[in-house]
Amino acid sequence: MFTHVMVGSNDIEASKAFYDALFAAIGGRPAVRDDKGRLIYMHDGAMFMVTKPIDGQPACHANGGTIGFAMASAEQADAWHAAGVAAGGTSCEDPPGVRDSAIGPLYLAYLRDPAGNKLCGLYRGG
């Protein structure tokens, strides 16, 4: 459905430490950098990138926006969430756990990265 997701950051090194920890928690590899200094993560057929804004303006998060990452289990979502908090992220929304939804129970874990971007670890097995 999408080719990639990219978020902005004002501190690429803090973002690298944070996202390296998140991806390691779900079996991913640390970022590679392109010739523009952007961080590139490739995992399970998807690409996630972090960059300083090209227009030179400060990066900011999207109010109301959320980026969802697929988890293989509730335990993996918990490990992902814990890794994110330990690496400088902030837990947000309700604590990780099962939520009822229109499509059935979902296990959700929410974080904000060091730049304020809202992330969700989602396991559909609830």
C-alpha atoms as a PDB file:
ATOM      1  CA  MET A   1       0.000   0.000   0.000  1.00  0.00           C
ATOM      2  CA  PHE A   2       2.897   2.377   0.593  1.00  0.00           C
ATOM      3  CA  THR A   3       6.519   2.487  -0.549  1.00  0.00           C
ATOM      4  CA  HIS A   4       7.958   4.073   2.570  1.00  0.00           C
ATOM      5  CA  VAL A   5       7.293   6.251   5.588  1.00  0.00           C
ATOM      6  CA  MET A   6       9.587   9.170   6.420  1.00  0.00           C
ATOM      7  CA  VAL A   7       9.608  11.345   9.537  1.00  0.00           C
ATOM      8  CA  GLY A   8      11.563  14.477  10.261  1.00  0.00           C
ATOM      9  CA  SER A   9      14.082  14.940  13.032  1.00  0.00           C
ATOM     10  CA  ASN A  10      16.095  17.852  14.385  1.00  0.00           C
ATOM     11  CA  ASP A  11      18.567  15.432  16.031  1.00  0.00           C
ATOM     12  CA  ILE A  12      19.493  12.572  13.706  1.00  0.00           C
ATOM     13  CA  GLU A  13      21.792  10.932  16.281  1.00  0.00           C
ATOM     14  CA  ALA A  14      19.042  10.801  18.948  1.00  0.00           C
ATOM     15  CA  SER A  15      16.658   9.424  16.322  1.00  0.00           C
ATOM     16  CA  LYS A  16      19.214   6.803  15.267  1.00  0.00           C
ATOM     17  CA  ALA A  17      19.662   5.589  18.857  1.00  0.00           C
ATOM     18  CA  PHE A  18      15.873   5.457  19.322  1.00  0.00           C
ATOM     19  CA  TYR A  19      14.964   3.717  16.041  1.00  0.00           C
ATOM     20  CA  ASP A  20      17.947   1.334  16.141  1.00  0.00           C
ATOM     21  CA  ALA A  21      16.610   0.138  19.528  1.00  0.00           C
ATOM     22  CA  LEU A  22      13.024  -0.128  18.238  1.00  0.00           C
ATOM     23  CA  PHE A  23      13.973  -2.150  15.179  1.00  0.00           C
ATOM     24  CA  ALA A  24      16.381  -4.370  17.153  1.00  0.00           C
ATOM     25  CA  ALA A  25      13.466  -5.274  19.473  1.00  0.00           C
ATOM     26  CA  ILE A  26      11.578  -6.731  16.491  1.00  0.00           C
ATOM     27  CA  GLY A  27      14.531  -8.375  14.747  1.00  0.00           C
ATOM     28  CA  GLY A  28      15.536  -5.495  12.476  1.00  0.00           C
ATOM     29  CA  ARG A  29      18.949  -4.067  11.685  1.00  0.00           C
ATOM     30  CA  PRO A  30      20.430  -0.671  12.560  1.00  0.00           C
ATOM     31  CA  ALA A  31      19.952   2.161  10.070  1.00  0.00           C
ATOM     32  CA  VAL A  32      22.068   2.672   7.023  1.00  0.00           C
ATOM     33  CA  ARG A  33      22.706   6.263   5.945  1.00  0.00           C
ATOM     34  CA  ASP A  34      22.335   7.569   2.442  1.00  0.00           C
ATOM     35  CA  ASP A  35      24.555  10.277   0.940  1.00  0.00           C
ATOM     36  CA  LYS A  36      22.253  12.969   2.389  1.00  0.00           C
ATOM     37  CA  GLY A  37      22.594  11.621   5.947  1.00  0.00           C
ATOM     38  CA  ARG A  38      19.071  10.170   6.074  1.00  0.00           C
ATOM     39  CA  LEU A  39      18.501   7.049   8.168  1.00  0.00           C
ATOM     40  CA  ILE A  40      17.049   4.099   6.275  1.00  0.00           C
ATOM     41  CA  TYR A  41      15.513   1.041   7.939  1.00  0.00           C
ATOM     42  CA  MET A  42      14.345  -1.909   5.847  1.00  0.00           C
ATOM     43  CA  HIS A  43      12.364  -4.641   7.597  1.00  0.00           C
ATOM     44  CA  ASP A  44       9.776  -7.184   6.458  1.00  0.00           C
ATOM     45  CA  GLY A  45       9.479  -5.644   3.011  1.00  0.00           C
ATOM     46  CA  ALA A  46       8.880  -2.072   4.182  1.00  0.00           C
ATOM     47  CA  MET A  47      11.125   0.980   4.410  1.00  0.00           C
ATOM     48  CA  PHE A  48      11.130   3.589   7.183  1.00  0.00           C
ATOM     49  CA  MET A  49      13.286   6.710   6.915  1.00  0.00           C
ATOM     50  CA  VAL A  50      14.310   9.609   9.150  1.00  0.00           C
ATOM     51  CA  THR A  51      15.611  12.917   7.774  1.00  0.00           C
ATOM     52  CA  LYS A  52      16.329  16.517   8.609  1.00  0.00           C
ATOM     53  CA  PRO A  53      13.728  18.544   6.685  1.00  0.00           C
ATOM     54  CA  ILE A  54      14.887  19.339   3.172  1.00  0.00           C
ATOM     55  CA  ASP A  55      13.480  22.885   3.371  1.00  0.00           C
ATOM     56  CA  GLY A  56      15.799  23.744   6.286  1.00  0.00           C
ATOM     57  CA  GLN A  57      12.890  24.458   8.639  1.00  0.00           C
ATOM     58  CA  PRO A  58      12.633  22.673  12.012  1.00  0.00           C
ATOM     59  CA  ALA A  59      11.076  19.210  12.037  1.00  0.00           C
ATOM     60  CA  CYS A  60       7.762  18.827  13.851  1.00  0.00           C
ATOM     61  CA  HIS A  61       5.362  15.955  14.398  1.00  0.00           C
ATOM     62  CA  ALA A  62       1.960  15.568  12.827  1.00  0.00           C
ATOM     63  CA  ASN A  63      -0.880  16.344  15.216  1.00  0.00           C
ATOM     64  CA  GLY A  64      -3.307  13.438  14.828  1.00  0.00           C
ATOM     65  CA  GLY A  65      -0.842  11.370  12.803  1.00  0.00           C
ATOM     66  CA  THR A  66       0.276   7.891  13.849  1.00  0.00           C
ATOM     67  CA  ILE A  67       2.695   5.475  12.197  1.00  0.00           C
ATOM     68  CA  GLY A  68       1.821   1.835  12.864  1.00  0.00           C
ATOM     69  CA  PHE A  69       4.359  -0.987  12.996  1.00  0.00           C
ATOM     70  CA  ALA A  70       3.180  -4.610  12.677  1.00  0.00           C
ATOM     71  CA  MET A  71       4.123  -6.844  15.610  1.00  0.00           C
ATOM     72  CA  ALA A  72       4.315 -10.644  15.598  1.00  0.00           C
ATOM     73  CA  SER A  73       2.951 -10.979  19.153  1.00  0.00           C
ATOM     74  CA  ALA A  74       1.872  -9.023  22.221  1.00  0.00           C
ATOM     75  CA  GLU A  75       5.244  -9.882  23.774  1.00  0.00           C
ATOM     76  CA  GLN A  76       7.053  -8.359  20.790  1.00  0.00           C
ATOM     77  CA  ALA A  77       4.922  -5.204  21.110  1.00  0.00           C
ATOM     78  CA  ASP A  78       5.876  -4.978  24.801  1.00  0.00           C
ATOM     79  CA  ALA A  79       9.591  -5.431  23.982  1.00  0.00           C
ATOM     80  CA  TRP A  80       9.320  -2.785  21.227  1.00  0.00           C
ATOM     81  CA  HIS A  81       7.613  -0.358  23.626  1.00  0.00           C
ATOM     82  CA  ALA A  82      10.168  -0.968  26.392  1.00  0.00           C
ATOM     83  CA  ALA A  83      13.073  -0.524  23.955  1.00  0.00           C
ATOM     84  CA  GLY A  84      11.603   2.765  22.768  1.00  0.00           C
ATOM     85  CA  VAL A  85      11.166   4.139  26.293  1.00  0.00           C
ATOM     86  CA  ALA A  86      14.698   3.028  27.233  1.00  0.00           C
ATOM     87  CA  ALA A  87      16.086   4.755  24.125  1.00  0.00           C
ATOM     88  CA  GLY A  88      14.570   8.167  24.820  1.00  0.00           C
ATOM     89  CA  GLY A  89      10.973   7.778  23.669  1.00  0.00           C
ATOM     90  CA  THR A  90       7.894   8.542  25.730  1.00  0.00           C
ATOM     91  CA  SER A  91       4.967   6.233  26.381  1.00  0.00           C
ATOM     92  CA  CYS A  92       1.678   7.814  25.344  1.00  0.00           C
ATOM     93  CA  GLU A  93      -2.018   6.972  25.174  1.00  0.00           C
ATOM     94  CA  ASP A  94      -3.034   4.087  27.449  1.00  0.00           C
ATOM     95  CA  PRO A  95      -0.438   1.527  28.619  1.00  0.00           C
ATOM     96  CA  PRO A  96       0.219  -1.312  26.145  1.00  0.00           C
ATOM     97  CA  GLY A  97      -2.654  -3.759  26.074  1.00  0.00           C
ATOM     98  CA  VAL A  98      -5.709  -5.153  24.323  1.00  0.00           C
ATOM     99  CA  ARG A  99      -8.268  -2.710  22.951  1.00  0.00           C
ATOM    100  CA  ASP A 100     -11.589  -3.563  21.358  1.00  0.00           C
ATOM    101  CA  SER A 101     -12.034  -2.128  17.884  1.00  0.00           C
ATOM    102  CA  ALA A 102     -14.492  -2.310  15.014  1.00  0.00           C
ATOM    103  CA  ILE A 103     -12.279  -5.023  13.455  1.00  0.00           C
ATOM    104  CA  GLY A 104     -11.867  -7.059  16.650  1.00  0.00           C
ATOM    105  CA  PRO A 105      -9.405  -7.026  19.548  1.00  0.00           C
ATOM    106  CA  LEU A 106      -6.018  -5.412  18.926  1.00  0.00           C
ATOM    107  CA  TYR A 107      -2.928  -5.323  21.131  1.00  0.00           C
ATOM    108  CA  LEU A 108      -1.584  -1.763  20.953  1.00  0.00           C
ATOM    109  CA  ALA A 109       1.515  -0.065  22.346  1.00  0.00           C
ATOM    110  CA  TYR A 110       1.974   3.679  21.747  1.00  0.00           C
ATOM    111  CA  LEU A 111       5.145   5.785  21.866  1.00  0.00           C
ATOM    112  CA  ARG A 112       6.378   9.196  20.860  1.00  0.00           C
ATOM    113  CA  ASP A 113       9.869   9.280  19.399  1.00  0.00           C
ATOM    114  CA  PRO A 114      12.398  11.930  20.544  1.00  0.00           C
ATOM    115  CA  ALA A 115      11.032  14.342  17.887  1.00  0.00           C
ATOM    116  CA  GLY A 116       7.415  13.839  19.042  1.00  0.00           C
ATOM    117  CA  ASN A 117       6.219  11.565  16.229  1.00  0.00           C
ATOM    118  CA  LYS A 118       3.504   9.173  17.429  1.00  0.00           C
ATOM    119  CA  LEU A 119       4.149   5.475  16.803  1.00  0.00           C
ATOM    120  CA  CYS A 120       2.036   2.392  17.414  1.00  0.00           C
ATOM    121  CA  GLY A 121       3.118  -1.229  17.773  1.00  0.00           C
ATOM    122  CA  LEU A 122       0.079  -3.255  16.696  1.00  0.00           C
ATOM    123  CA  TYR A 123      -0.551  -6.989  17.063  1.00  0.00           C
ATOM    124  CA  ARG A 124      -3.785  -8.154  15.453  1.00  0.00           C
ATOM    125  CA  GLY A 125      -4.068 -11.278  17.621  1.00  0.00           C
ATOM    126  CA  GLY A 126      -5.195  -9.202  20.630  1.00  0.00           C
END
